[in-house]
Amino acid sequence: MAELKINLFGRSVRCVILTSKQKTQDIYGYTNRTEDAYYLPFLDYDGVPLDFIIKELGRLQFDFRLSTFFVFKSSPNNYHAVCLDKLTYKELIDVMHDSSVDSAYYSIGRRYGDKIWTLRLSDKGEYKIRLYCILNHKPKRMRSKAHAELLKKFFGISMLTLELGVMFDDSTDVVLAKYKV
């Protein structure tokens, strides 16, 4: 960051120049909004210890009546947690607000007005997303079949795991996203 202060026409003018690394790598991700305008809990944890995340997800499952969470390791000390339960926008915000997700991730869907959160599917440099663990919990809500199929295709999560207490909608589409990092 560079800062320049000058006196111009009897007024003090301050200019701040911010620089950032040029984004060059294409990244592909999947979004949490469903075809019928519900949202799945997508949680992005940066720098939060895994044992803390596991305990927090268990509490969120209990407090918000959420089913199974799939926990993915996205890079060293960073994790994604995905639940296939369909929530209203307000319920999703309540879950995210009551979690320890990365603050930039929490605000991005609200800041840009599209109310959509995205998690990475593709490699980011040397970091590849991989399934780390599954926190099973009996479903009490309708779940997204389209997102379940995506997890099966990209991460090899068996349908047997996904079918515990089957309560899936008939959705077929997940919106994918492409962005640069």
N, C-alpha and C. Protein backbone atom coordinates (compact mmCIF):
# COMPACT_ATOMS: atom_id res chain seq x y z
N MET A 1 0.85 -1.17 0.00
CA MET A 1 0.00 0.00 0.00
C MET A 1 0.90 1.23 0.00
N ALA A 2 0.57 2.16 -0.83
CA ALA A 2 1.28 3.43 -0.88
C ALA A 2 0.28 4.54 -0.61
N GLU A 3 0.75 5.56 0.09
CA GLU A 3 -0.13 6.67 0.41
C GLU A 3 0.56 7.97 -0.01
N LEU A 4 -0.21 8.86 -0.62
CA LEU A 4 0.31 10.13 -1.09
C LEU A 4 -0.59 11.23 -0.56
N LYS A 5 0.00 12.23 0.12
CA LYS A 5 -0.77 13.37 0.63
C LYS A 5 -0.25 14.62 -0.08
N ILE A 6 -1.19 15.38 -0.65
CA ILE A 6 -0.81 16.62 -1.32
C ILE A 6 -1.79 17.72 -0.94
N ASN A 7 -1.32 18.98 -1.06
CA ASN A 7 -2.17 20.13 -0.83
C ASN A 7 -2.61 20.64 -2.20
N LEU A 8 -3.89 20.66 -2.44
CA LEU A 8 -4.43 21.03 -3.74
C LEU A 8 -5.53 22.06 -3.54
N PHE A 9 -5.30 23.27 -4.03
CA PHE A 9 -6.27 24.36 -3.92
C PHE A 9 -6.72 24.60 -2.48
N GLY A 10 -5.77 24.56 -1.57
CA GLY A 10 -6.06 24.84 -0.18
C GLY A 10 -6.72 23.70 0.57
N ARG A 11 -6.80 22.55 -0.06
CA ARG A 11 -7.41 21.37 0.58
C ARG A 11 -6.38 20.25 0.61
N SER A 12 -6.42 19.46 1.63
CA SER A 12 -5.53 18.30 1.74
C SER A 12 -6.17 17.12 1.02
N VAL A 13 -5.44 16.53 0.10
CA VAL A 13 -5.93 15.38 -0.66
C VAL A 13 -5.04 14.18 -0.33
N ARG A 14 -5.67 13.10 0.01
CA ARG A 14 -4.93 11.87 0.33
C ARG A 14 -5.30 10.80 -0.68
N CYS A 15 -4.32 10.22 -1.33
CA CYS A 15 -4.53 9.14 -2.30
C CYS A 15 -3.90 7.88 -1.73
N VAL A 16 -4.65 6.80 -1.75
CA VAL A 16 -4.15 5.51 -1.29
C VAL A 16 -4.14 4.57 -2.49
N ILE A 17 -3.01 3.93 -2.70
CA ILE A 17 -2.87 2.98 -3.81
C ILE A 17 -2.70 1.59 -3.22
N LEU A 18 -3.61 0.72 -3.57
CA LEU A 18 -3.54 -0.67 -3.13
C LEU A 18 -3.13 -1.54 -4.31
N THR A 19 -2.26 -2.47 -4.05
CA THR A 19 -1.87 -3.40 -5.10
C THR A 19 -2.19 -4.82 -4.64
N SER A 20 -2.42 -5.67 -5.60
CA SER A 20 -2.65 -7.08 -5.28
C SER A 20 -2.04 -7.93 -6.38
N LYS A 21 -1.78 -9.15 -6.02
CA LYS A 21 -1.22 -10.09 -6.98
C LYS A 21 -2.25 -10.33 -8.09
N GLN A 22 -1.76 -10.36 -9.33
CA GLN A 22 -2.67 -10.59 -10.45
C GLN A 22 -3.22 -12.01 -10.39
N LYS A 23 -4.52 -12.13 -10.58
CA LYS A 23 -5.18 -13.42 -10.54
C LYS A 23 -5.07 -14.06 -11.91
N THR A 24 -4.44 -15.25 -11.96
CA THR A 24 -4.17 -15.87 -13.25
C THR A 24 -4.73 -17.28 -13.41
N GLN A 25 -5.02 -17.95 -12.30
CA GLN A 25 -5.46 -19.34 -12.39
C GLN A 25 -6.98 -19.45 -12.39
N ASP A 26 -7.51 -20.17 -13.37
CA ASP A 26 -8.95 -20.43 -13.41
C ASP A 26 -9.29 -21.50 -12.38
N ILE A 27 -10.30 -21.23 -11.59
CA ILE A 27 -10.79 -22.16 -10.57
C ILE A 27 -12.26 -22.44 -10.86
N TYR A 28 -12.67 -23.68 -10.64
CA TYR A 28 -14.06 -24.07 -10.84
C TYR A 28 -14.65 -24.47 -9.50
N GLY A 29 -15.90 -24.06 -9.28
CA GLY A 29 -16.55 -24.38 -8.03
C GLY A 29 -18.02 -24.68 -8.25
N TYR A 30 -18.69 -25.03 -7.19
CA TYR A 30 -20.13 -25.30 -7.23
C TYR A 30 -20.83 -24.42 -6.21
N THR A 31 -22.06 -24.08 -6.51
CA THR A 31 -22.79 -23.13 -5.68
C THR A 31 -23.83 -23.82 -4.82
N ASN A 32 -24.27 -23.12 -3.78
CA ASN A 32 -25.16 -23.73 -2.79
C ASN A 32 -26.64 -23.45 -3.03
N ARG A 33 -26.99 -22.69 -4.03
CA ARG A 33 -28.41 -22.41 -4.27
C ARG A 33 -29.03 -23.54 -5.09
N THR A 34 -30.25 -23.93 -4.72
CA THR A 34 -30.93 -25.02 -5.41
C THR A 34 -31.87 -24.46 -6.49
N GLU A 35 -32.33 -25.34 -7.35
CA GLU A 35 -33.24 -24.95 -8.44
C GLU A 35 -34.50 -24.27 -7.92
N ASP A 36 -34.96 -24.67 -6.75
CA ASP A 36 -36.21 -24.13 -6.20
C ASP A 36 -35.97 -23.04 -5.15
N ALA A 37 -34.79 -22.39 -5.24
CA ALA A 37 -34.46 -21.20 -4.44
C ALA A 37 -34.24 -21.46 -2.95
N TYR A 38 -33.77 -22.65 -2.63
CA TYR A 38 -33.30 -22.93 -1.27
C TYR A 38 -31.77 -22.90 -1.29
N TYR A 39 -31.17 -23.04 -0.10
CA TYR A 39 -29.72 -22.96 0.03
C TYR A 39 -29.20 -24.11 0.87
N LEU A 40 -28.04 -24.64 0.49
CA LEU A 40 -27.40 -25.67 1.28
C LEU A 40 -26.34 -25.03 2.17
N PRO A 41 -26.17 -25.52 3.39
CA PRO A 41 -25.08 -25.01 4.22
C PRO A 41 -23.72 -25.39 3.63
N PHE A 42 -23.01 -24.41 3.11
CA PHE A 42 -21.64 -24.53 2.64
C PHE A 42 -20.81 -23.69 3.61
N LEU A 43 -19.88 -24.30 4.30
CA LEU A 43 -19.08 -23.59 5.30
C LEU A 43 -17.61 -23.68 4.93
N ASP A 44 -16.93 -22.56 4.95
CA ASP A 44 -15.51 -22.47 4.58
C ASP A 44 -14.72 -22.05 5.81
N TYR A 45 -13.89 -22.95 6.32
CA TYR A 45 -13.10 -22.70 7.51
C TYR A 45 -11.64 -22.51 7.12
N ASP A 46 -11.10 -21.33 7.42
CA ASP A 46 -9.69 -21.05 7.16
C ASP A 46 -8.95 -20.89 8.47
N GLY A 47 -7.95 -21.73 8.70
CA GLY A 47 -7.12 -21.62 9.88
C GLY A 47 -7.79 -22.01 11.18
N VAL A 48 -8.88 -22.76 11.11
CA VAL A 48 -9.59 -23.21 12.31
C VAL A 48 -9.19 -24.67 12.56
N PRO A 49 -8.78 -25.00 13.78
CA PRO A 49 -8.37 -26.39 14.06
C PRO A 49 -9.49 -27.40 13.76
N LEU A 50 -9.10 -28.54 13.18
CA LEU A 50 -10.07 -29.55 12.77
C LEU A 50 -10.93 -30.04 13.94
N ASP A 51 -10.35 -30.27 15.10
CA ASP A 51 -11.15 -30.77 16.23
C ASP A 51 -12.22 -29.74 16.63
N PHE A 52 -11.92 -28.46 16.53
CA PHE A 52 -12.90 -27.41 16.80
C PHE A 52 -14.02 -27.46 15.76
N ILE A 53 -13.65 -27.63 14.48
CA ILE A 53 -14.64 -27.70 13.40
C ILE A 53 -15.59 -28.86 13.61
N ILE A 54 -15.04 -30.04 13.94
CA ILE A 54 -15.86 -31.24 14.14
C ILE A 54 -16.87 -31.02 15.27
N LYS A 55 -16.42 -30.45 16.37
CA LYS A 55 -17.34 -30.18 17.49
C LYS A 55 -18.39 -29.15 17.10
N GLU A 56 -17.96 -28.12 16.38
CA GLU A 56 -18.92 -27.09 15.98
C GLU A 56 -19.96 -27.65 15.03
N LEU A 57 -19.55 -28.48 14.07
CA LEU A 57 -20.52 -29.06 13.14
C LEU A 57 -21.53 -29.94 13.87
N GLY A 58 -21.06 -30.69 14.87
CA GLY A 58 -21.99 -31.49 15.68
C GLY A 58 -23.01 -30.63 16.40
N ARG A 59 -22.56 -29.50 16.91
CA ARG A 59 -23.49 -28.59 17.58
C ARG A 59 -24.47 -27.97 16.57
N LEU A 60 -23.97 -27.61 15.39
CA LEU A 60 -24.86 -27.05 14.36
C LEU A 60 -25.90 -28.08 13.92
N GLN A 61 -25.47 -29.35 13.82
CA GLN A 61 -26.42 -30.41 13.47
C GLN A 61 -27.54 -30.48 14.50
N PHE A 62 -27.18 -30.41 15.76
CA PHE A 62 -28.17 -30.49 16.83
C PHE A 62 -29.04 -29.23 16.89
N ASP A 63 -28.40 -28.06 16.91
CA ASP A 63 -29.13 -26.79 17.08
C ASP A 63 -30.07 -26.48 15.91
N PHE A 64 -29.65 -26.83 14.68
CA PHE A 64 -30.43 -26.46 13.50
C PHE A 64 -31.09 -27.66 12.81
N ARG A 65 -31.04 -28.83 13.47
CA ARG A 65 -31.65 -30.05 12.93
C ARG A 65 -31.10 -30.37 11.53
N LEU A 66 -29.78 -30.32 11.41
CA LEU A 66 -29.12 -30.59 10.12
C LEU A 66 -28.69 -32.04 10.05
N SER A 67 -28.63 -32.57 8.83
CA SER A 67 -28.20 -33.95 8.65
C SER A 67 -26.68 -34.01 8.45
N THR A 68 -26.23 -34.99 7.74
CA THR A 68 -24.81 -35.29 7.54
C THR A 68 -24.03 -34.12 6.96
N PHE A 69 -22.84 -33.89 7.52
CA PHE A 69 -21.88 -32.95 6.95
C PHE A 69 -20.75 -33.74 6.31
N PHE A 70 -20.35 -33.32 5.13
CA PHE A 70 -19.18 -33.86 4.44
C PHE A 70 -18.07 -32.82 4.61
N VAL A 71 -16.96 -33.25 5.20
CA VAL A 71 -15.86 -32.32 5.48
C VAL A 71 -14.74 -32.60 4.50
N PHE A 72 -14.30 -31.55 3.81
CA PHE A 72 -13.26 -31.64 2.80
C PHE A 72 -12.05 -30.82 3.24
N LYS A 73 -10.87 -31.36 3.02
CA LYS A 73 -9.65 -30.61 3.27
C LYS A 73 -9.32 -29.88 1.97
N SER A 74 -9.27 -28.54 2.04
CA SER A 74 -9.04 -27.75 0.82
C SER A 74 -7.59 -27.31 0.67
N SER A 75 -6.88 -27.20 1.77
CA SER A 75 -5.44 -26.88 1.79
C SER A 75 -5.00 -27.01 3.24
N PRO A 76 -3.71 -26.89 3.51
CA PRO A 76 -3.28 -27.05 4.91
C PRO A 76 -4.04 -26.09 5.84
N ASN A 77 -4.63 -26.64 6.88
CA ASN A 77 -5.38 -25.89 7.90
C ASN A 77 -6.66 -25.23 7.39
N ASN A 78 -7.13 -25.65 6.22
CA ASN A 78 -8.36 -25.09 5.68
C ASN A 78 -9.31 -26.22 5.28
N TYR A 79 -10.59 -26.04 5.62
CA TYR A 79 -11.59 -27.09 5.38
C TYR A 79 -12.88 -26.49 4.84
N HIS A 80 -13.61 -27.30 4.09
CA HIS A 80 -14.96 -26.99 3.65
C HIS A 80 -15.89 -28.01 4.29
N ALA A 81 -17.07 -27.58 4.70
CA ALA A 81 -18.09 -28.49 5.22
C ALA A 81 -19.36 -28.26 4.40
N VAL A 82 -19.94 -29.37 3.92
CA VAL A 82 -21.13 -29.30 3.06
C VAL A 82 -22.21 -30.19 3.65
N CYS A 83 -23.40 -29.62 3.77
CA CYS A 83 -24.58 -30.37 4.19
C CYS A 83 -25.59 -30.27 3.05
N LEU A 84 -26.27 -31.34 2.73
CA LEU A 84 -27.19 -31.36 1.60
C LEU A 84 -28.61 -30.90 1.94
N ASP A 85 -28.83 -30.50 3.18
CA ASP A 85 -30.16 -30.04 3.61
C ASP A 85 -30.52 -28.71 2.94
N LYS A 86 -31.78 -28.60 2.55
CA LYS A 86 -32.28 -27.39 1.91
C LYS A 86 -32.83 -26.44 2.99
N LEU A 87 -32.27 -25.23 3.05
CA LEU A 87 -32.66 -24.23 4.03
C LEU A 87 -33.17 -22.98 3.32
N THR A 88 -33.97 -22.20 4.03
CA THR A 88 -34.32 -20.89 3.52
C THR A 88 -33.09 -19.99 3.65
N TYR A 89 -33.12 -18.85 2.98
CA TYR A 89 -32.01 -17.91 3.07
C TYR A 89 -31.78 -17.49 4.53
N LYS A 90 -32.85 -17.19 5.25
CA LYS A 90 -32.72 -16.77 6.65
C LYS A 90 -32.09 -17.88 7.50
N GLU A 91 -32.53 -19.12 7.29
CA GLU A 91 -31.95 -20.24 8.05
C GLU A 91 -30.46 -20.38 7.74
N LEU A 92 -30.10 -20.25 6.47
CA LEU A 92 -28.69 -20.36 6.10
C LEU A 92 -27.87 -19.28 6.80
N ILE A 93 -28.34 -18.05 6.77
CA ILE A 93 -27.62 -16.94 7.42
C ILE A 93 -27.48 -17.22 8.91
N ASP A 94 -28.52 -17.75 9.54
CA ASP A 94 -28.46 -18.09 10.97
C ASP A 94 -27.38 -19.15 11.22
N VAL A 95 -27.32 -20.17 10.38
CA VAL A 95 -26.30 -21.22 10.54
C VAL A 95 -24.90 -20.63 10.37
N MET A 96 -24.72 -19.86 9.30
CA MET A 96 -23.39 -19.28 9.05
C MET A 96 -22.99 -18.30 10.15
N HIS A 97 -23.94 -17.51 10.62
CA HIS A 97 -23.66 -16.55 11.67
C HIS A 97 -23.26 -17.25 12.97
N ASP A 98 -23.83 -18.42 13.20
CA ASP A 98 -23.57 -19.17 14.43
C ASP A 98 -22.37 -20.10 14.30
N SER A 99 -21.63 -19.97 13.20
CA SER A 99 -20.45 -20.81 12.97
C SER A 99 -19.18 -19.96 12.99
N SER A 100 -18.06 -20.60 12.83
CA SER A 100 -16.76 -19.91 12.81
C SER A 100 -16.20 -19.83 11.40
N VAL A 101 -17.07 -19.73 10.41
CA VAL A 101 -16.60 -19.68 9.03
C VAL A 101 -15.78 -18.42 8.80
N ASP A 102 -14.95 -18.48 7.78
CA ASP A 102 -14.13 -17.35 7.37
C ASP A 102 -15.03 -16.14 7.13
N SER A 103 -14.69 -15.00 7.73
CA SER A 103 -15.56 -13.82 7.65
C SER A 103 -15.72 -13.31 6.22
N ALA A 104 -14.69 -13.41 5.40
CA ALA A 104 -14.80 -12.98 4.00
C ALA A 104 -15.80 -13.86 3.26
N TYR A 105 -15.75 -15.17 3.53
CA TYR A 105 -16.69 -16.10 2.89
C TYR A 105 -18.12 -15.80 3.32
N TYR A 106 -18.31 -15.55 4.61
CA TYR A 106 -19.65 -15.27 5.14
C TYR A 106 -20.27 -14.06 4.44
N SER A 107 -19.48 -13.03 4.24
CA SER A 107 -20.03 -11.78 3.71
C SER A 107 -20.13 -11.74 2.19
N ILE A 108 -19.42 -12.59 1.48
CA ILE A 108 -19.35 -12.45 0.02
C ILE A 108 -20.69 -12.64 -0.67
N GLY A 109 -21.47 -13.60 -0.27
CA GLY A 109 -22.77 -13.83 -0.91
C GLY A 109 -23.75 -12.70 -0.64
N ARG A 110 -23.60 -12.05 0.48
CA ARG A 110 -24.47 -10.94 0.84
C ARG A 110 -23.95 -9.64 0.22
N ARG A 111 -22.63 -9.48 0.16
CA ARG A 111 -22.04 -8.24 -0.32
C ARG A 111 -22.30 -8.01 -1.80
N TYR A 112 -22.24 -9.07 -2.60
CA TYR A 112 -22.41 -8.91 -4.04
C TYR A 112 -23.86 -9.06 -4.48
N GLY A 113 -24.76 -9.31 -3.55
CA GLY A 113 -26.17 -9.27 -3.85
C GLY A 113 -26.76 -10.49 -4.52
N ASP A 114 -25.94 -11.48 -4.88
CA ASP A 114 -26.49 -12.63 -5.58
C ASP A 114 -26.94 -13.74 -4.63
N LYS A 115 -26.60 -13.60 -3.36
CA LYS A 115 -27.00 -14.57 -2.34
C LYS A 115 -26.64 -16.00 -2.74
N ILE A 116 -25.44 -16.17 -3.26
CA ILE A 116 -24.94 -17.49 -3.63
C ILE A 116 -23.53 -17.63 -3.08
N TRP A 117 -23.26 -18.78 -2.45
CA TRP A 117 -21.93 -19.07 -1.96
C TRP A 117 -21.36 -20.21 -2.78
N THR A 118 -20.05 -20.16 -3.02
CA THR A 118 -19.38 -21.13 -3.88
C THR A 118 -18.24 -21.79 -3.13
N LEU A 119 -18.06 -23.09 -3.34
CA LEU A 119 -16.89 -23.80 -2.84
C LEU A 119 -16.14 -24.38 -4.02
N ARG A 120 -14.85 -24.45 -3.87
CA ARG A 120 -13.95 -24.88 -4.94
C ARG A 120 -14.05 -26.37 -5.20
N LEU A 121 -14.03 -26.74 -6.49
CA LEU A 121 -13.95 -28.14 -6.92
C LEU A 121 -12.57 -28.47 -7.48
N SER A 122 -11.96 -27.51 -8.15
CA SER A 122 -10.71 -27.77 -8.85
C SER A 122 -9.49 -27.51 -7.96
N ASP A 123 -8.35 -27.95 -8.44
CA ASP A 123 -7.10 -27.71 -7.72
C ASP A 123 -6.81 -26.22 -7.68
N LYS A 124 -6.15 -25.80 -6.61
CA LYS A 124 -5.70 -24.42 -6.47
C LYS A 124 -4.20 -24.49 -6.23
N GLY A 125 -3.45 -24.29 -7.32
CA GLY A 125 -2.00 -24.50 -7.21
C GLY A 125 -1.75 -25.97 -6.93
N GLU A 126 -1.04 -26.24 -5.87
CA GLU A 126 -0.73 -27.63 -5.51
C GLU A 126 -1.79 -28.27 -4.62
N TYR A 127 -2.82 -27.51 -4.26
CA TYR A 127 -3.82 -28.01 -3.33
C TYR A 127 -5.03 -28.58 -4.03
N LYS A 128 -5.30 -29.84 -3.76
CA LYS A 128 -6.44 -30.53 -4.33
C LYS A 128 -7.45 -30.78 -3.22
N ILE A 129 -8.72 -30.53 -3.51
CA ILE A 129 -9.79 -30.79 -2.54
C ILE A 129 -9.93 -32.30 -2.38
N ARG A 130 -10.03 -32.77 -1.13
CA ARG A 130 -10.27 -34.20 -0.91
C ARG A 130 -11.21 -34.37 0.29
N LEU A 131 -12.04 -35.41 0.18
CA LEU A 131 -12.94 -35.72 1.28
C LEU A 131 -12.11 -36.13 2.48
N TYR A 132 -12.37 -35.51 3.62
CA TYR A 132 -11.60 -35.80 4.83
C TYR A 132 -12.38 -36.70 5.78
N CYS A 133 -13.65 -36.37 6.02
CA CYS A 133 -14.47 -37.21 6.89
C CYS A 133 -15.95 -36.91 6.66
N ILE A 134 -16.78 -37.80 7.16
CA ILE A 134 -18.24 -37.66 7.06
C ILE A 134 -18.80 -37.70 8.48
N LEU A 135 -19.59 -36.68 8.81
CA LEU A 135 -20.23 -36.63 10.13
C LEU A 135 -21.71 -36.97 9.94
N ASN A 136 -22.03 -38.24 10.07
CA ASN A 136 -23.39 -38.72 9.82
C ASN A 136 -24.37 -38.20 10.87
N HIS A 137 -25.53 -37.86 10.39
CA HIS A 137 -26.62 -37.44 11.27
C HIS A 137 -27.91 -37.67 10.49
N LYS A 138 -28.90 -38.22 11.14
CA LYS A 138 -30.15 -38.57 10.46
C LYS A 138 -30.83 -37.34 9.86
N PRO A 139 -31.23 -37.44 8.59
CA PRO A 139 -31.88 -36.29 7.95
C PRO A 139 -33.27 -36.02 8.51
N LYS A 140 -33.57 -34.74 8.64
CA LYS A 140 -34.89 -34.31 9.09
C LYS A 140 -35.51 -33.34 8.09
N ARG A 141 -34.75 -33.00 7.07
CA ARG A 141 -35.19 -32.03 6.06
C ARG A 141 -35.03 -32.63 4.67
N MET A 142 -35.68 -32.01 3.70
CA MET A 142 -35.48 -32.38 2.31
C MET A 142 -34.04 -32.02 1.91
N ARG A 143 -33.42 -32.87 1.06
CA ARG A 143 -32.04 -32.64 0.62
C ARG A 143 -31.98 -32.55 -0.89
N SER A 144 -30.90 -31.96 -1.38
CA SER A 144 -30.71 -31.74 -2.81
C SER A 144 -30.09 -32.96 -3.49
N LYS A 145 -30.86 -33.59 -4.35
CA LYS A 145 -30.36 -34.74 -5.11
C LYS A 145 -29.27 -34.31 -6.10
N ALA A 146 -29.43 -33.15 -6.72
CA ALA A 146 -28.44 -32.67 -7.69
C ALA A 146 -27.07 -32.49 -7.03
N HIS A 147 -27.05 -31.91 -5.84
CA HIS A 147 -25.79 -31.72 -5.14
C HIS A 147 -25.21 -33.07 -4.68
N ALA A 148 -26.08 -33.99 -4.29
CA ALA A 148 -25.62 -35.34 -3.91
C ALA A 148 -24.94 -36.02 -5.09
N GLU A 149 -25.53 -35.90 -6.26
CA GLU A 149 -24.94 -36.49 -7.47
C GLU A 149 -23.59 -35.85 -7.79
N LEU A 150 -23.49 -34.54 -7.58
CA LEU A 150 -22.22 -33.86 -7.81
C LEU A 150 -21.14 -34.39 -6.87
N LEU A 151 -21.47 -34.55 -5.58
CA LEU A 151 -20.50 -35.08 -4.62
C LEU A 151 -20.08 -36.50 -4.99
N LYS A 152 -21.03 -37.27 -5.48
CA LYS A 152 -20.72 -38.64 -5.92
C LYS A 152 -19.74 -38.61 -7.09
N LYS A 153 -20.01 -37.76 -8.06
CA LYS A 153 -19.18 -37.71 -9.26
C LYS A 153 -17.77 -37.19 -8.98
N PHE A 154 -17.65 -36.11 -8.23
CA PHE A 154 -16.35 -35.47 -8.02
C PHE A 154 -15.54 -36.07 -6.88
N PHE A 155 -16.21 -36.62 -5.87
CA PHE A 155 -15.50 -37.08 -4.69
C PHE A 155 -15.72 -38.55 -4.37
N GLY A 156 -16.48 -39.26 -5.20
CA GLY A 156 -16.67 -40.69 -5.02
C GLY A 156 -17.48 -41.06 -3.79
N ILE A 157 -18.29 -40.14 -3.30
CA ILE A 157 -19.13 -40.44 -2.14
C ILE A 157 -20.23 -41.39 -2.60
N SER A 158 -20.29 -42.55 -2.00
CA SER A 158 -21.21 -43.58 -2.47
C SER A 158 -22.66 -43.19 -2.19
N MET A 159 -23.54 -43.65 -3.04
CA MET A 159 -24.96 -43.38 -2.85
C MET A 159 -25.47 -44.05 -1.58
N LEU A 160 -24.83 -45.14 -1.14
CA LEU A 160 -25.23 -45.78 0.11
C LEU A 160 -25.11 -44.78 1.26
N THR A 161 -24.01 -44.03 1.28
CA THR A 161 -23.84 -43.01 2.32
C THR A 161 -24.89 -41.93 2.18
N LEU A 162 -25.18 -41.55 0.95
CA LEU A 162 -26.13 -40.47 0.70
C LEU A 162 -27.57 -40.88 0.95
N GLU A 163 -27.87 -42.18 0.87
CA GLU A 163 -29.26 -42.63 0.95
C GLU A 163 -29.73 -42.94 2.35
N LEU A 164 -28.90 -42.75 3.37
CA LEU A 164 -29.34 -43.01 4.73
C LEU A 164 -30.56 -42.15 5.05
N GLY A 165 -31.70 -42.73 5.27
CA GLY A 165 -32.92 -41.99 5.56
C GLY A 165 -33.32 -41.10 4.40
N VAL A 166 -33.43 -41.69 3.24
CA VAL A 166 -33.62 -40.95 1.99
C VAL A 166 -34.72 -39.90 2.10
N MET A 167 -34.39 -38.67 1.78
CA MET A 167 -35.33 -37.56 1.69
C MET A 167 -34.78 -36.59 0.66
N PHE A 168 -34.69 -37.03 -0.60
CA PHE A 168 -34.12 -36.18 -1.65
C PHE A 168 -35.21 -35.60 -2.53
N ASP A 169 -34.97 -34.37 -3.00
CA ASP A 169 -35.88 -33.75 -3.96
C ASP A 169 -35.61 -34.37 -5.34
N ASP A 170 -36.20 -33.82 -6.38
CA ASP A 170 -35.98 -34.35 -7.72
C ASP A 170 -35.13 -33.41 -8.57
N SER A 171 -34.30 -32.60 -7.92
CA SER A 171 -33.48 -31.64 -8.65
C SER A 171 -32.42 -32.33 -9.49
N THR A 172 -32.04 -31.66 -10.57
CA THR A 172 -31.05 -32.23 -11.49
C THR A 172 -29.90 -31.27 -11.80
N ASP A 173 -30.02 -30.00 -11.44
CA ASP A 173 -29.02 -29.01 -11.82
C ASP A 173 -28.34 -28.36 -10.62
N VAL A 174 -27.02 -28.16 -10.76
CA VAL A 174 -26.23 -27.38 -9.81
C VAL A 174 -25.52 -26.32 -10.63
N VAL A 175 -25.57 -25.09 -10.17
CA VAL A 175 -24.87 -24.02 -10.87
C VAL A 175 -23.39 -24.10 -10.54
N LEU A 176 -22.58 -24.17 -11.59
CA LEU A 176 -21.13 -24.17 -11.42
C LEU A 176 -20.61 -22.76 -11.66
N ALA A 177 -19.44 -22.47 -11.10
CA ALA A 177 -18.86 -21.15 -11.22
C ALA A 177 -17.41 -21.26 -11.66
N LYS A 178 -16.96 -20.26 -12.39
CA LYS A 178 -15.55 -20.17 -12.79
C LYS A 178 -15.05 -18.81 -12.33
N TYR A 179 -13.91 -18.80 -11.65
CA TYR A 179 -13.34 -17.54 -11.17
C TYR A 179 -11.82 -17.67 -11.17
N LYS A 180 -11.13 -16.57 -10.95
CA LYS A 180 -9.67 -16.57 -10.97
C LYS A 180 -9.11 -16.33 -9.57
N VAL A 181 -7.97 -16.98 -9.30
CA VAL A 181 -7.23 -16.73 -8.08
C VAL A 181 -5.78 -16.50 -8.44
